[in-house]
């Protein structure tokens, strides 16, 4: 899990991922099956729709001021 700004990719910080996961633990059951592991790494259950997860994370990170302007969250499976 990374974000891209001006063509450069960087890992999303685990504190960002944890913030999103804890918020969604009680407010959006769709994303309950996620576990922050480390910077740029999150375990995601097979039932979690990745496109919706990416959109929700990008919106949450932007709202919290984590993402720089004109940047995007990128999810890749490993």
PDB file of N, CA and C in Angstrom:
ATOM      1  N   UNK A   1       0.844  -1.146   0.000  1.00  0.00           N
ATOM      2  CA  UNK A   1       0.000   0.000   0.000  1.00  0.00           C
ATOM      3  C   UNK A   1       0.904   1.227   0.000  1.00  0.00           C
ATOM      4  N   UNK A   2       0.758   2.009  -1.031  1.00  0.00           N
ATOM      5  CA  UNK A   2       1.615   3.174  -1.201  1.00  0.00           C
ATOM      6  C   UNK A   2       0.770   4.373  -1.590  1.00  0.00           C
ATOM      7  N   UNK A   3       1.395   5.539  -1.570  1.00  0.00           N
ATOM      8  CA  UNK A   3       0.775   6.705  -2.158  1.00  0.00           C
ATOM      9  C   UNK A   3       1.767   7.292  -3.146  1.00  0.00           C
ATOM     10  N   UNK A   4       1.233   7.923  -4.150  1.00  0.00           N
ATOM     11  CA  UNK A   4       2.086   8.485  -5.192  1.00  0.00           C
ATOM     12  C   UNK A   4       1.906   9.991  -5.228  1.00  0.00           C
ATOM     13  N   UNK A   5       3.025  10.674  -5.244  1.00  0.00           N
ATOM     14  CA  UNK A   5       3.013  12.124  -5.366  1.00  0.00           C
ATOM     15  C   UNK A   5       4.095  12.508  -6.354  1.00  0.00           C
ATOM     16  N   UNK A   6       3.686  13.211  -7.395  1.00  0.00           N
ATOM     17  CA  UNK A   6       4.609  13.678  -8.417  1.00  0.00           C
ATOM     18  C   UNK A   6       5.456  12.533  -8.985  1.00  0.00           C
ATOM     19  N   UNK A   7       4.812  11.378  -9.173  1.00  0.00           N
ATOM     20  CA  UNK A   7       5.473  10.241  -9.796  1.00  0.00           C
ATOM     21  C   UNK A   7       6.358   9.414  -8.879  1.00  0.00           C
ATOM     22  N   UNK A   8       6.428   9.759  -7.603  1.00  0.00           N
ATOM     23  CA  UNK A   8       7.261   9.026  -6.648  1.00  0.00           C
ATOM     24  C   UNK A   8       6.347   8.277  -5.671  1.00  0.00           C
ATOM     25  N   UNK A   9       6.595   6.970  -5.537  1.00  0.00           N
ATOM     26  CA  UNK A   9       5.802   6.156  -4.614  1.00  0.00           C
ATOM     27  C   UNK A   9       6.494   6.036  -3.266  1.00  0.00           C
ATOM     28  N   UNK A  10       5.665   6.110  -2.207  1.00  0.00           N
ATOM     29  CA  UNK A  10       6.153   5.947  -0.837  1.00  0.00           C
ATOM     30  C   UNK A  10       5.151   5.082  -0.086  1.00  0.00           C
ATOM     31  N   UNK A  11       5.593   4.282   0.884  1.00  0.00           N
ATOM     32  CA  UNK A  11       4.640   3.460   1.635  1.00  0.00           C
ATOM     33  C   UNK A  11       3.756   4.323   2.527  1.00  0.00           C
ATOM     34  N   UNK A  12       2.483   3.948   2.627  1.00  0.00           N
ATOM     35  CA  UNK A  12       1.596   4.593   3.589  1.00  0.00           C
ATOM     36  C   UNK A  12       2.078   4.192   4.981  1.00  0.00           C
ATOM     37  N   UNK A  13       2.117   5.127   5.880  1.00  0.00           N
ATOM     38  CA  UNK A  13       2.592   4.830   7.231  1.00  0.00           C
ATOM     39  C   UNK A  13       1.598   3.943   7.980  1.00  0.00           C
ATOM     40  N   UNK A  14       2.124   3.060   8.800  1.00  0.00           N
ATOM     41  CA  UNK A  14       1.268   2.143   9.547  1.00  0.00           C
ATOM     42  C   UNK A  14       0.305   2.922  10.443  1.00  0.00           C
ATOM     43  N   UNK A  15       0.691   4.084  10.955  1.00  0.00           N
ATOM     44  CA  UNK A  15      -0.229   4.854  11.799  1.00  0.00           C
ATOM     45  C   UNK A  15      -1.426   5.356  10.985  1.00  0.00           C
ATOM     46  N   UNK A  16      -1.231   5.628   9.687  1.00  0.00           N
ATOM     47  CA  UNK A  16      -2.359   6.003   8.826  1.00  0.00           C
ATOM     48  C   UNK A  16      -3.288   4.807   8.657  1.00  0.00           C
ATOM     49  N   UNK A  17      -2.682   3.660   8.342  1.00  0.00           N
ATOM     50  CA  UNK A  17      -3.451   2.441   8.088  1.00  0.00           C
ATOM     51  C   UNK A  17      -4.218   2.044   9.350  1.00  0.00           C
ATOM     52  N   UNK A  18      -3.567   2.151  10.497  1.00  0.00           N
ATOM     53  CA  UNK A  18      -4.202   1.817  11.769  1.00  0.00           C
ATOM     54  C   UNK A  18      -5.361   2.767  12.054  1.00  0.00           C
ATOM     55  N   UNK A  19      -5.173   4.043  11.791  1.00  0.00           N
ATOM     56  CA  UNK A  19      -6.231   5.028  11.990  1.00  0.00           C
ATOM     57  C   UNK A  19      -7.454   4.676  11.157  1.00  0.00           C
ATOM     58  N   UNK A  20      -7.234   4.321   9.904  1.00  0.00           N
ATOM     59  CA  UNK A  20      -8.332   3.919   9.028  1.00  0.00           C
ATOM     60  C   UNK A  20      -8.998   2.648   9.550  1.00  0.00           C
ATOM     61  N   UNK A  21      -8.210   1.669   9.911  1.00  0.00           N
ATOM     62  CA  UNK A  21      -8.753   0.384  10.353  1.00  0.00           C
ATOM     63  C   UNK A  21      -9.554   0.522  11.642  1.00  0.00           C
ATOM     64  N   UNK A  22      -9.069   1.292  12.590  1.00  0.00           N
ATOM     65  CA  UNK A  22      -9.791   1.457  13.847  1.00  0.00           C
ATOM     66  C   UNK A  22     -11.093   2.215  13.627  1.00  0.00           C
ATOM     67  N   UNK A  23     -11.083   3.210  12.783  1.00  0.00           N
ATOM     68  CA  UNK A  23     -12.294   3.963  12.476  1.00  0.00           C
ATOM     69  C   UNK A  23     -13.313   3.047  11.832  1.00  0.00           C
ATOM     70  N   UNK A  24     -12.865   2.209  10.919  1.00  0.00           N
ATOM     71  CA  UNK A  24     -13.788   1.350  10.209  1.00  0.00           C
ATOM     72  C   UNK A  24     -14.184   0.108  11.001  1.00  0.00           C
ATOM     73  N   UNK A  25     -13.480  -0.169  12.076  1.00  0.00           N
ATOM     74  CA  UNK A  25     -13.842  -1.314  12.905  1.00  0.00           C
ATOM     75  C   UNK A  25     -15.264  -1.159  13.434  1.00  0.00           C
ATOM     76  N   UNK A  26     -15.654   0.067  13.755  1.00  0.00           N
ATOM     77  CA  UNK A  26     -16.991   0.285  14.303  1.00  0.00           C
ATOM     78  C   UNK A  26     -17.949   0.945  13.324  1.00  0.00           C
ATOM     79  N   UNK A  27     -17.459   1.589  12.278  1.00  0.00           N
ATOM     80  CA  UNK A  27     -18.340   2.363  11.405  1.00  0.00           C
ATOM     81  C   UNK A  27     -18.596   1.753  10.031  1.00  0.00           C
ATOM     82  N   UNK A  28     -17.777   0.848   9.569  1.00  0.00           N
ATOM     83  CA  UNK A  28     -17.973   0.272   8.235  1.00  0.00           C
ATOM     84  C   UNK A  28     -17.568  -1.198   8.260  1.00  0.00           C
ATOM     85  N   UNK A  29     -18.533  -2.047   8.510  1.00  0.00           N
ATOM     86  CA  UNK A  29     -18.229  -3.470   8.657  1.00  0.00           C
ATOM     87  C   UNK A  29     -17.630  -4.078   7.390  1.00  0.00           C
ATOM     88  N   UNK A  30     -17.825  -3.435   6.248  1.00  0.00           N
ATOM     89  CA  UNK A  30     -17.266  -3.922   4.991  1.00  0.00           C
ATOM     90  C   UNK A  30     -15.752  -4.094   5.076  1.00  0.00           C
ATOM     91  N   UNK A  31     -15.089  -3.259   5.879  1.00  0.00           N
ATOM     92  CA  UNK A  31     -13.635  -3.274   5.964  1.00  0.00           C
ATOM     93  C   UNK A  31     -13.111  -3.872   7.278  1.00  0.00           C
ATOM     94  N   UNK A  32     -13.973  -4.555   8.026  1.00  0.00           N
ATOM     95  CA  UNK A  32     -13.540  -5.153   9.291  1.00  0.00           C
ATOM     96  C   UNK A  32     -12.431  -6.179   9.114  1.00  0.00           C
ATOM     97  N   UNK A  33     -12.379  -6.819   7.978  1.00  0.00           N
ATOM     98  CA  UNK A  33     -11.404  -7.892   7.746  1.00  0.00           C
ATOM     99  C   UNK A  33     -10.087  -7.333   7.199  1.00  0.00           C
ATOM    100  N   UNK A  34      -9.567  -6.322   7.887  1.00  0.00           N
ATOM    101  CA  UNK A  34      -8.276  -5.726   7.524  1.00  0.00           C
ATOM    102  C   UNK A  34      -7.415  -5.636   8.781  1.00  0.00           C
ATOM    103  N   UNK A  35      -6.113  -5.773   8.602  1.00  0.00           N
ATOM    104  CA  UNK A  35      -5.189  -5.735   9.736  1.00  0.00           C
ATOM    105  C   UNK A  35      -3.915  -4.989   9.334  1.00  0.00           C
ATOM    106  N   UNK A  36      -3.648  -3.830   9.940  1.00  0.00           N
ATOM    107  CA  UNK A  36      -2.397  -3.124   9.673  1.00  0.00           C
ATOM    108  C   UNK A  36      -1.220  -3.952  10.173  1.00  0.00           C
ATOM    109  N   UNK A  37      -0.160  -4.055   9.366  1.00  0.00           N
ATOM    110  CA  UNK A  37       0.993  -4.870   9.729  1.00  0.00           C
ATOM    111  C   UNK A  37       2.251  -4.015   9.888  1.00  0.00           C
ATOM    112  N   UNK A  38       2.520  -3.159   8.920  1.00  0.00           N
ATOM    113  CA  UNK A  38       3.724  -2.324   8.928  1.00  0.00           C
ATOM    114  C   UNK A  38       3.521  -1.199   7.918  1.00  0.00           C
ATOM    115  N   UNK A  39       4.472  -0.289   7.841  1.00  0.00           N
ATOM    116  CA  UNK A  39       4.386   0.754   6.826  1.00  0.00           C
ATOM    117  C   UNK A  39       4.196   0.098   5.463  1.00  0.00           C
ATOM    118  N   UNK A  40       3.133   0.490   4.776  1.00  0.00           N
ATOM    119  CA  UNK A  40       2.876  -0.016   3.438  1.00  0.00           C
ATOM    120  C   UNK A  40       2.293  -1.411   3.358  1.00  0.00           C
ATOM    121  N   UNK A  41       2.006  -2.045   4.516  1.00  0.00           N
ATOM    122  CA  UNK A  41       1.528  -3.433   4.503  1.00  0.00           C
ATOM    123  C   UNK A  41       0.259  -3.571   5.343  1.00  0.00           C
ATOM    124  N   UNK A  42      -0.745  -4.200   4.726  1.00  0.00           N
ATOM    125  CA  UNK A  42      -2.000  -4.478   5.409  1.00  0.00           C
ATOM    126  C   UNK A  42      -2.476  -5.844   4.944  1.00  0.00           C
ATOM    127  N   UNK A  43      -2.882  -6.689   5.892  1.00  0.00           N
ATOM    128  CA  UNK A  43      -3.509  -7.950   5.523  1.00  0.00           C
ATOM    129  C   UNK A  43      -4.980  -7.655   5.267  1.00  0.00           C
ATOM    130  N   UNK A  44      -5.468  -8.136   4.122  1.00  0.00           N
ATOM    131  CA  UNK A  44      -6.830  -7.839   3.692  1.00  0.00           C
ATOM    132  C   UNK A  44      -7.540  -9.153   3.400  1.00  0.00           C
ATOM    133  N   UNK A  45      -8.693  -9.343   4.005  1.00  0.00           N
ATOM    134  CA  UNK A  45      -9.475 -10.554   3.787  1.00  0.00           C
ATOM    135  C   UNK A  45      -9.976 -10.660   2.359  1.00  0.00           C
ATOM    136  N   UNK A  46     -10.239 -11.874   1.928  1.00  0.00           N
ATOM    137  CA  UNK A  46     -10.651 -12.144   0.549  1.00  0.00           C
ATOM    138  C   UNK A  46     -12.001 -11.516   0.202  1.00  0.00           C
ATOM    139  N   UNK A  47     -12.839 -11.242   1.182  1.00  0.00           N
ATOM    140  CA  UNK A  47     -14.162 -10.676   0.914  1.00  0.00           C
ATOM    141  C   UNK A  47     -14.154  -9.150   0.814  1.00  0.00           C
ATOM    142  N   UNK A  48     -13.042  -8.521   1.096  1.00  0.00           N
ATOM    143  CA  UNK A  48     -12.963  -7.055   1.061  1.00  0.00           C
ATOM    144  C   UNK A  48     -12.765  -6.606  -0.393  1.00  0.00           C
ATOM    145  N   UNK A  49     -13.679  -5.765  -0.914  1.00  0.00           N
ATOM    146  CA  UNK A  49     -13.535  -5.283  -2.292  1.00  0.00           C
ATOM    147  C   UNK A  49     -12.406  -4.249  -2.386  1.00  0.00           C
ATOM    148  N   UNK A  50     -11.354  -4.586  -3.113  1.00  0.00           N
ATOM    149  CA  UNK A  50     -10.152  -3.744  -3.145  1.00  0.00           C
ATOM    150  C   UNK A  50     -10.402  -2.350  -3.712  1.00  0.00           C
ATOM    151  N   UNK A  51     -11.216  -2.238  -4.736  1.00  0.00           N
ATOM    152  CA  UNK A  51     -11.481  -0.914  -5.319  1.00  0.00           C
ATOM    153  C   UNK A  51     -12.174  -0.009  -4.300  1.00  0.00           C
ATOM    154  N   UNK A  52     -13.135  -0.558  -3.580  1.00  0.00           N
ATOM    155  CA  UNK A  52     -13.831   0.229  -2.558  1.00  0.00           C
ATOM    156  C   UNK A  52     -12.903   0.551  -1.394  1.00  0.00           C
ATOM    157  N   UNK A  53     -12.055  -0.385  -1.027  1.00  0.00           N
ATOM    158  CA  UNK A  53     -11.090  -0.152   0.047  1.00  0.00           C
ATOM    159  C   UNK A  53     -10.132   0.980  -0.330  1.00  0.00           C
ATOM    160  N   UNK A  54      -9.603   0.937  -1.543  1.00  0.00           N
ATOM    161  CA  UNK A  54      -8.668   1.978  -1.987  1.00  0.00           C
ATOM    162  C   UNK A  54      -9.340   3.350  -1.955  1.00  0.00           C
ATOM    163  N   UNK A  55     -10.557   3.431  -2.463  1.00  0.00           N
ATOM    164  CA  UNK A  55     -11.285   4.703  -2.478  1.00  0.00           C
ATOM    165  C   UNK A  55     -11.537   5.205  -1.060  1.00  0.00           C
ATOM    166  N   UNK A  56     -11.990   4.323  -0.186  1.00  0.00           N
ATOM    167  CA  UNK A  56     -12.281   4.714   1.195  1.00  0.00           C
ATOM    168  C   UNK A  56     -11.010   5.151   1.920  1.00  0.00           C
ATOM    169  N   UNK A  57      -9.909   4.438   1.694  1.00  0.00           N
ATOM    170  CA  UNK A  57      -8.648   4.806   2.345  1.00  0.00           C
ATOM    171  C   UNK A  57      -8.146   6.154   1.822  1.00  0.00           C
ATOM    172  N   UNK A  58      -8.246   6.345   0.524  1.00  0.00           N
ATOM    173  CA  UNK A  58      -7.793   7.612  -0.043  1.00  0.00           C
ATOM    174  C   UNK A  58      -8.609   8.777   0.528  1.00  0.00           C
ATOM    175  N   UNK A  59      -9.916   8.609   0.613  1.00  0.00           N
ATOM    176  CA  UNK A  59     -10.772   9.658   1.177  1.00  0.00           C
ATOM    177  C   UNK A  59     -10.446   9.908   2.644  1.00  0.00           C
ATOM    178  N   UNK A  60     -10.252   8.818   3.420  1.00  0.00           N
ATOM    179  CA  UNK A  60      -9.945   8.951   4.846  1.00  0.00           C
ATOM    180  C   UNK A  60      -8.596   9.635   5.049  1.00  0.00           C
ATOM    181  N   UNK A  61      -7.565   9.184   4.305  1.00  0.00           N
ATOM    182  CA  UNK A  61      -6.230   9.771   4.432  1.00  0.00           C
ATOM    183  C   UNK A  61      -6.241  11.246   4.048  1.00  0.00           C
ATOM    184  N   UNK A  62      -6.991  11.599   3.013  1.00  0.00           N
ATOM    185  CA  UNK A  62      -7.083  13.002   2.588  1.00  0.00           C
ATOM    186  C   UNK A  62      -7.787  13.841   3.655  1.00  0.00           C
ATOM    187  N   UNK A  63      -8.885  13.307   4.196  1.00  0.00           N
ATOM    188  CA  UNK A  63      -9.641  14.031   5.220  1.00  0.00           C
ATOM    189  C   UNK A  63      -8.809  14.264   6.483  1.00  0.00           C
ATOM    190  N   UNK A  64      -7.953  13.300   6.824  1.00  0.00           N
ATOM    191  CA  UNK A  64      -7.095  13.425   8.005  1.00  0.00           C
ATOM    192  C   UNK A  64      -5.868  14.293   7.745  1.00  0.00           C
ATOM    193  N   UNK A  65      -5.629  14.654   6.472  1.00  0.00           N
ATOM    194  CA  UNK A  65      -4.469  15.469   6.137  1.00  0.00           C
ATOM    195  C   UNK A  65      -3.188  14.665   5.971  1.00  0.00           C
ATOM    196  N   UNK A  66      -3.316  13.351   5.861  1.00  0.00           N
ATOM    197  CA  UNK A  66      -2.139  12.501   5.694  1.00  0.00           C
ATOM    198  C   UNK A  66      -1.574  12.573   4.281  1.00  0.00           C
ATOM    199  N   UNK A  67      -2.459  12.586   3.283  1.00  0.00           N
ATOM    200  CA  UNK A  67      -2.020  12.572   1.889  1.00  0.00           C
ATOM    201  C   UNK A  67      -1.672  13.973   1.410  1.00  0.00           C
ATOM    202  N   UNK A  68      -0.552  14.114   0.744  1.00  0.00           N
ATOM    203  CA  UNK A  68      -0.239  15.396   0.114  1.00  0.00           C
ATOM    204  C   UNK A  68      -1.254  15.687  -0.997  1.00  0.00           C
ATOM    205  N   UNK A  69      -1.419  16.944  -1.327  1.00  0.00           N
ATOM    206  CA  UNK A  69      -2.336  17.336  -2.402  1.00  0.00           C
ATOM    207  C   UNK A  69      -1.949  16.633  -3.699  1.00  0.00           C
ATOM    208  N   UNK A  70      -2.951  16.271  -4.466  1.00  0.00           N
ATOM    209  CA  UNK A  70      -2.773  15.637  -5.778  1.00  0.00           C
ATOM    210  C   UNK A  70      -1.982  14.329  -5.704  1.00  0.00           C
ATOM    211  N   UNK A  71      -2.244  13.551  -4.665  1.00  0.00           N
ATOM    212  CA  UNK A  71      -1.598  12.239  -4.564  1.00  0.00           C
ATOM    213  C   UNK A  71      -2.685  11.173  -4.527  1.00  0.00           C
ATOM    214  N   UNK A  72      -2.298   9.935  -4.763  1.00  0.00           N
ATOM    215  CA  UNK A  72      -3.256   8.838  -4.850  1.00  0.00           C
ATOM    216  C   UNK A  72      -2.734   7.622  -4.084  1.00  0.00           C
ATOM    217  N   UNK A  73      -3.671   6.858  -3.497  1.00  0.00           N
ATOM    218  CA  UNK A  73      -3.335   5.609  -2.826  1.00  0.00           C
ATOM    219  C   UNK A  73      -3.280   4.497  -3.871  1.00  0.00           C
ATOM    220  N   UNK A  74      -2.276   3.633  -3.755  1.00  0.00           N
ATOM    221  CA  UNK A  74      -2.088   2.516  -4.683  1.00  0.00           C
ATOM    222  C   UNK A  74      -2.051   1.227  -3.869  1.00  0.00           C
ATOM    223  N   UNK A  75      -2.955   0.299  -4.179  1.00  0.00           N
ATOM    224  CA  UNK A  75      -2.963  -1.019  -3.535  1.00  0.00           C
ATOM    225  C   UNK A  75      -2.416  -2.046  -4.517  1.00  0.00           C
ATOM    226  N   UNK A  76      -1.507  -2.860  -4.039  1.00  0.00           N
ATOM    227  CA  UNK A  76      -0.990  -3.964  -4.853  1.00  0.00           C
ATOM    228  C   UNK A  76      -1.001  -5.234  -4.016  1.00  0.00           C
ATOM    229  N   UNK A  77      -1.355  -6.338  -4.651  1.00  0.00           N
ATOM    230  CA  UNK A  77      -1.375  -7.621  -3.956  1.00  0.00           C
ATOM    231  C   UNK A  77       0.008  -8.239  -3.976  1.00  0.00           C
ATOM    232  N   UNK A  78       0.365  -8.880  -2.877  1.00  0.00           N
ATOM    233  CA  UNK A  78       1.665  -9.556  -2.792  1.00  0.00           C
ATOM    234  C   UNK A  78       1.473 -10.982  -2.362  1.00  0.00           C
TER     235      UNK A  78
END
